[in-house]
Amino acid sequence: MDQTLRFQEILRKLTMIDEGFIEGETRIALSLAGTSALDSKTAALLRIGVAVAAGSSAACLHWSTTRALAAGATEDEIADVLLAIAPVAGLGRVVAAAPEVATALGYDIQAALEESDGQ
């Protein structure tokens, strides 16, 4: 593969969080399998908290949120993670992440904000 196509493929796969590619190329395990004492839902909720606290990108927040849903987490549990980490991670990080998490949950926060402005 020529160099131009290679870098494009790498960037595309990183952007879309291609789990198989990332695990194979970086040796970073994205799978929740093998998490010792934690069940997969708890581990997935923790990953959301860490992603928010670290100021992760929208793509990472979306990925973490959808993984938590797939592991059995509810929308309320995901929202509670944001509230629980706010004192430690900082309100700014949580506020910045909230719209991205909302989008991943299928909640149109912008429409809701516009609707509440009209009331």
C-alpha atoms as a PDB file:
ATOM      1  CA  MET A   1       0.000   0.000   0.000  1.00  0.00           C
ATOM      2  CA  ASP A   2       1.426   3.380  -0.869  1.00  0.00           C
ATOM      3  CA  GLN A   3       2.186   5.844   1.942  1.00  0.00           C
ATOM      4  CA  THR A   4      -0.647   8.243   1.120  1.00  0.00           C
ATOM      5  CA  LEU A   5      -3.251   5.539   1.232  1.00  0.00           C
ATOM      6  CA  ARG A   6      -1.726   4.043   4.385  1.00  0.00           C
ATOM      7  CA  PHE A   7      -1.933   7.239   6.434  1.00  0.00           C
ATOM      8  CA  GLN A   8      -5.475   7.834   5.183  1.00  0.00           C
ATOM      9  CA  GLU A   9      -6.528   4.341   6.227  1.00  0.00           C
ATOM     10  CA  ILE A  10      -4.936   4.719   9.645  1.00  0.00           C
ATOM     11  CA  LEU A  11      -6.627   8.074  10.273  1.00  0.00           C
ATOM     12  CA  ARG A  12      -9.991   6.797   9.039  1.00  0.00           C
ATOM     13  CA  LYS A  13      -9.846   3.717  11.279  1.00  0.00           C
ATOM     14  CA  LEU A  14      -8.769   5.744  14.293  1.00  0.00           C
ATOM     15  CA  THR A  15     -11.531   8.302  13.689  1.00  0.00           C
ATOM     16  CA  MET A  16     -14.210   5.628  13.564  1.00  0.00           C
ATOM     17  CA  ILE A  17     -12.632   3.704  16.466  1.00  0.00           C
ATOM     18  CA  ASP A  18     -12.189   0.493  14.496  1.00  0.00           C
ATOM     19  CA  GLU A  19     -11.705  -1.772  17.500  1.00  0.00           C
ATOM     20  CA  GLY A  20     -10.055  -4.629  15.633  1.00  0.00           C
ATOM     21  CA  PHE A  21      -7.594  -2.305  13.925  1.00  0.00           C
ATOM     22  CA  ILE A  22      -6.729  -0.410  17.115  1.00  0.00           C
ATOM     23  CA  GLU A  23      -6.262  -3.583  19.144  1.00  0.00           C
ATOM     24  CA  GLY A  24      -4.137  -5.153  16.426  1.00  0.00           C
ATOM     25  CA  GLU A  25      -1.940  -2.146  15.696  1.00  0.00           C
ATOM     26  CA  THR A  26      -1.522  -0.603  19.151  1.00  0.00           C
ATOM     27  CA  ARG A  27      -2.013  -3.611  21.422  1.00  0.00           C
ATOM     28  CA  ILE A  28      -4.525  -1.525  23.368  1.00  0.00           C
ATOM     29  CA  ALA A  29      -7.287  -3.840  24.536  1.00  0.00           C
ATOM     30  CA  LEU A  30     -10.642  -2.137  23.997  1.00  0.00           C
ATOM     31  CA  SER A  31     -12.681  -5.198  24.856  1.00  0.00           C
ATOM     32  CA  LEU A  32     -14.227  -5.385  28.306  1.00  0.00           C
ATOM     33  CA  ALA A  33     -13.582  -9.126  28.417  1.00  0.00           C
ATOM     34  CA  GLY A  34     -11.153 -10.139  31.096  1.00  0.00           C
ATOM     35  CA  THR A  35     -11.866  -7.237  33.430  1.00  0.00           C
ATOM     36  CA  SER A  36     -11.140  -8.871  36.746  1.00  0.00           C
ATOM     37  CA  ALA A  37     -13.610  -8.173  39.524  1.00  0.00           C
ATOM     38  CA  LEU A  38     -15.814  -5.742  37.615  1.00  0.00           C
ATOM     39  CA  ASP A  39     -18.810  -6.755  35.581  1.00  0.00           C
ATOM     40  CA  SER A  40     -18.876  -5.407  32.031  1.00  0.00           C
ATOM     41  CA  LYS A  41     -21.547  -2.775  32.752  1.00  0.00           C
ATOM     42  CA  THR A  42     -19.591  -1.295  35.654  1.00  0.00           C
ATOM     43  CA  ALA A  43     -16.389  -1.285  33.613  1.00  0.00           C
ATOM     44  CA  ALA A  44     -18.188   0.428  30.720  1.00  0.00           C
ATOM     45  CA  LEU A  45     -19.625   3.101  33.043  1.00  0.00           C
ATOM     46  CA  LEU A  46     -16.165   3.710  34.456  1.00  0.00           C
ATOM     47  CA  ARG A  47     -14.832   4.157  30.934  1.00  0.00           C
ATOM     48  CA  ILE A  48     -17.385   6.910  30.333  1.00  0.00           C
ATOM     49  CA  GLY A  49     -16.293   8.642  33.523  1.00  0.00           C
ATOM     50  CA  VAL A  50     -12.635   8.459  32.572  1.00  0.00           C
ATOM     51  CA  ALA A  51     -13.332   9.597  29.003  1.00  0.00           C
ATOM     52  CA  VAL A  52     -15.172  12.651  30.323  1.00  0.00           C
ATOM     53  CA  ALA A  53     -12.540  13.393  32.971  1.00  0.00           C
ATOM     54  CA  ALA A  54      -9.765  13.160  30.381  1.00  0.00           C
ATOM     55  CA  GLY A  55     -11.541  15.543  28.013  1.00  0.00           C
ATOM     56  CA  SER A  56     -11.864  12.906  25.295  1.00  0.00           C
ATOM     57  CA  SER A  57     -13.103  13.663  21.804  1.00  0.00           C
ATOM     58  CA  ALA A  58     -16.731  13.450  20.741  1.00  0.00           C
ATOM     59  CA  ALA A  59     -15.990  10.177  18.940  1.00  0.00           C
ATOM     60  CA  CYS A  60     -14.548   8.616  22.099  1.00  0.00           C
ATOM     61  CA  LEU A  61     -17.463   9.817  24.216  1.00  0.00           C
ATOM     62  CA  HIS A  62     -19.917   8.423  21.686  1.00  0.00           C
ATOM     63  CA  TRP A  63     -18.042   5.104  21.540  1.00  0.00           C
ATOM     64  CA  SER A  64     -17.855   4.824  25.341  1.00  0.00           C
ATOM     65  CA  THR A  65     -21.526   5.640  25.720  1.00  0.00           C
ATOM     66  CA  THR A  66     -22.700   3.140  23.120  1.00  0.00           C
ATOM     67  CA  ARG A  67     -20.447   0.474  24.654  1.00  0.00           C
ATOM     68  CA  ALA A  68     -22.035   1.123  28.057  1.00  0.00           C
ATOM     69  CA  LEU A  69     -25.518   0.806  26.583  1.00  0.00           C
ATOM     70  CA  ALA A  70     -24.501  -2.454  24.916  1.00  0.00           C
ATOM     71  CA  ALA A  71     -23.223  -3.703  28.283  1.00  0.00           C
ATOM     72  CA  GLY A  72     -26.650  -3.083  29.828  1.00  0.00           C
ATOM     73  CA  ALA A  73     -26.279   0.391  31.308  1.00  0.00           C
ATOM     74  CA  THR A  74     -29.353   2.602  31.304  1.00  0.00           C
ATOM     75  CA  GLU A  75     -29.532   6.231  30.240  1.00  0.00           C
ATOM     76  CA  ASP A  76     -30.105   7.187  33.888  1.00  0.00           C
ATOM     77  CA  GLU A  77     -26.974   5.322  34.995  1.00  0.00           C
ATOM     78  CA  ILE A  78     -24.923   7.073  32.328  1.00  0.00           C
ATOM     79  CA  ALA A  79     -26.274  10.481  33.383  1.00  0.00           C
ATOM     80  CA  ASP A  80     -25.525   9.615  37.024  1.00  0.00           C
ATOM     81  CA  VAL A  81     -21.899   8.911  36.077  1.00  0.00           C
ATOM     82  CA  LEU A  82     -21.632  12.517  34.882  1.00  0.00           C
ATOM     83  CA  LEU A  83     -23.051  13.791  38.167  1.00  0.00           C
ATOM     84  CA  ALA A  84     -20.833  11.488  40.225  1.00  0.00           C
ATOM     85  CA  ILE A  85     -17.583  12.575  38.592  1.00  0.00           C
ATOM     86  CA  ALA A  86     -18.307  16.317  38.472  1.00  0.00           C
ATOM     87  CA  PRO A  87     -16.732  17.077  41.889  1.00  0.00           C
ATOM     88  CA  VAL A  88     -13.520  15.288  40.915  1.00  0.00           C
ATOM     89  CA  ALA A  89     -13.276  15.819  37.144  1.00  0.00           C
ATOM     90  CA  GLY A  90     -14.562  19.364  37.283  1.00  0.00           C
ATOM     91  CA  LEU A  91     -17.843  20.819  36.164  1.00  0.00           C
ATOM     92  CA  GLY A  92     -16.274  22.210  32.981  1.00  0.00           C
ATOM     93  CA  ARG A  93     -15.345  18.740  31.725  1.00  0.00           C
ATOM     94  CA  VAL A  94     -18.777  17.360  32.520  1.00  0.00           C
ATOM     95  CA  VAL A  95     -20.621  20.273  30.923  1.00  0.00           C
ATOM     96  CA  ALA A  96     -18.450  20.024  27.810  1.00  0.00           C
ATOM     97  CA  ALA A  97     -19.120  16.279  27.514  1.00  0.00           C
ATOM     98  CA  ALA A  98     -22.854  16.352  28.268  1.00  0.00           C
ATOM     99  CA  PRO A  99     -24.014  17.301  24.734  1.00  0.00           C
ATOM    100  CA  GLU A 100     -21.879  14.555  23.183  1.00  0.00           C
ATOM    101  CA  VAL A 101     -23.170  11.949  25.625  1.00  0.00           C
ATOM    102  CA  ALA A 102     -26.714  13.169  24.967  1.00  0.00           C
ATOM    103  CA  THR A 103     -26.216  12.728  21.224  1.00  0.00           C
ATOM    104  CA  ALA A 104     -24.906   9.196  21.775  1.00  0.00           C
ATOM    105  CA  LEU A 105     -28.067   8.463  23.770  1.00  0.00           C
ATOM    106  CA  GLY A 106     -30.234   9.765  20.936  1.00  0.00           C
ATOM    107  CA  TYR A 107     -31.322  12.841  22.878  1.00  0.00           C
ATOM    108  CA  ASP A 108     -31.388  16.062  20.859  1.00  0.00           C
ATOM    109  CA  ILE A 109     -30.184  18.381  23.572  1.00  0.00           C
ATOM    110  CA  GLN A 110     -30.056  21.394  21.246  1.00  0.00           C
ATOM    111  CA  ALA A 111     -33.758  21.025  20.424  1.00  0.00           C
ATOM    112  CA  ALA A 112     -34.564  20.597  24.113  1.00  0.00           C
ATOM    113  CA  LEU A 113     -32.631  23.752  25.001  1.00  0.00           C
ATOM    114  CA  GLU A 114     -34.352  25.741  22.275  1.00  0.00           C
ATOM    115  CA  GLU A 115     -37.727  24.464  23.445  1.00  0.00           C
ATOM    116  CA  SER A 116     -36.997  25.463  27.053  1.00  0.00           C
ATOM    117  CA  ASP A 117     -35.904  28.937  25.894  1.00  0.00           C
ATOM    118  CA  GLY A 118     -39.367  29.448  24.428  1.00  0.00           C
ATOM    119  CA  GLN A 119     -41.111  28.704  27.711  1.00  0.00           C
END
